Amino acid sequence: MGHANIDVTQNVYGKSWWEERVDAVTRAVEAVTIAAQDAEKEAKKDEPESVSNEWVPLWVPQQESKIASC
């Protein structure tokens, strides 16, 4: 490659195929993760704000006893 020392050539051009594959997989996983997070954010935007995931009982014993005593 024209370098006076083999160490320079090896440092510049010596990236192993394993390191290249690890880098490629890492970039792919990051891209998929970001896409999934963006899709989740978009889905939450379309959801009405008044919707709650909290469970609310329809029958409460204390209220029934108050009504019966009227």
Protein backbone atom coordinates (compact mmCIF):
# COMPACT_ATOMS: atom_id res chain seq x y z
CA MET A 1 0.00 0.00 0.00
CA GLY A 2 3.00 2.25 -0.01
CA HIS A 3 3.45 2.65 3.76
CA ALA A 4 6.97 2.41 5.09
CA ASN A 5 5.86 0.34 8.08
CA ILE A 6 3.51 -2.69 7.98
CA ASP A 7 1.90 -1.55 11.25
CA VAL A 8 0.51 1.56 9.57
CA THR A 9 -0.99 -0.50 6.74
CA GLN A 10 -2.45 -3.00 9.16
CA ASN A 11 -3.98 -0.29 11.37
CA VAL A 12 -5.54 1.52 8.42
CA TYR A 13 -6.73 -1.43 6.31
CA GLY A 14 -6.66 -4.31 8.75
CA LYS A 15 -10.18 -4.20 10.13
CA SER A 16 -11.27 -7.81 10.32
CA TRP A 17 -14.36 -9.19 8.65
CA TRP A 18 -15.69 -10.00 12.13
CA GLU A 19 -15.47 -6.36 13.25
CA GLU A 20 -17.18 -5.24 10.04
CA ARG A 21 -20.04 -7.67 10.61
CA VAL A 22 -20.41 -6.64 14.24
CA ASP A 23 -20.61 -2.99 13.17
CA ALA A 24 -23.18 -3.80 10.48
CA VAL A 25 -25.38 -5.78 12.88
CA THR A 26 -25.11 -3.07 15.51
CA ARG A 27 -26.25 -0.42 13.02
CA ALA A 28 -29.14 -2.64 11.88
CA VAL A 29 -30.33 -3.29 15.44
CA GLU A 30 -30.16 0.42 16.26
CA ALA A 31 -32.18 1.27 13.13
CA VAL A 32 -34.87 -1.29 13.98
CA THR A 33 -35.04 -0.11 17.59
CA ILE A 34 -35.42 3.53 16.56
CA ALA A 35 -38.10 2.62 14.01
CA ALA A 36 -40.05 0.68 16.65
CA GLN A 37 -39.83 3.57 19.12
CA ASP A 38 -41.01 6.02 16.45
CA ALA A 39 -43.94 3.76 15.56
CA GLU A 40 -44.91 3.52 19.22
CA LYS A 41 -44.83 7.31 19.56
CA GLU A 42 -47.02 7.68 16.46
CA ALA A 43 -49.53 5.16 17.83
CA LYS A 44 -49.73 7.08 21.10
CA LYS A 45 -50.39 10.33 19.20
CA ASP A 46 -53.48 8.81 17.58
CA GLU A 47 -54.87 7.54 20.89
CA PRO A 48 -57.42 9.84 22.54
CA GLU A 49 -56.13 11.51 25.70
CA SER A 50 -59.25 10.71 27.71
CA VAL A 51 -58.61 6.97 27.48
CA SER A 52 -57.28 5.64 30.75
CA ASN A 53 -55.80 2.25 31.49
CA GLU A 54 -56.93 2.53 35.11
CA TRP A 55 -59.70 0.17 36.16
CA VAL A 56 -62.71 1.85 37.71
CA PRO A 57 -65.31 -0.32 39.49
CA LEU A 58 -68.91 0.11 38.39
CA TRP A 59 -70.31 -1.02 41.72
CA VAL A 60 -69.06 0.29 45.03
CA PRO A 61 -70.61 -1.23 48.21
CA GLN A 62 -70.49 2.05 50.18
CA GLN A 63 -72.67 3.81 47.64
CA GLU A 64 -75.27 1.04 47.71
CA SER A 65 -75.61 1.27 51.50
CA LYS A 66 -76.12 5.04 51.31
CA ILE A 67 -78.84 4.66 48.69
CA ALA A 68 -80.63 1.98 50.74
CA SER A 69 -80.75 4.24 53.80
CA CYS A 70 -82.55 7.05 51.97
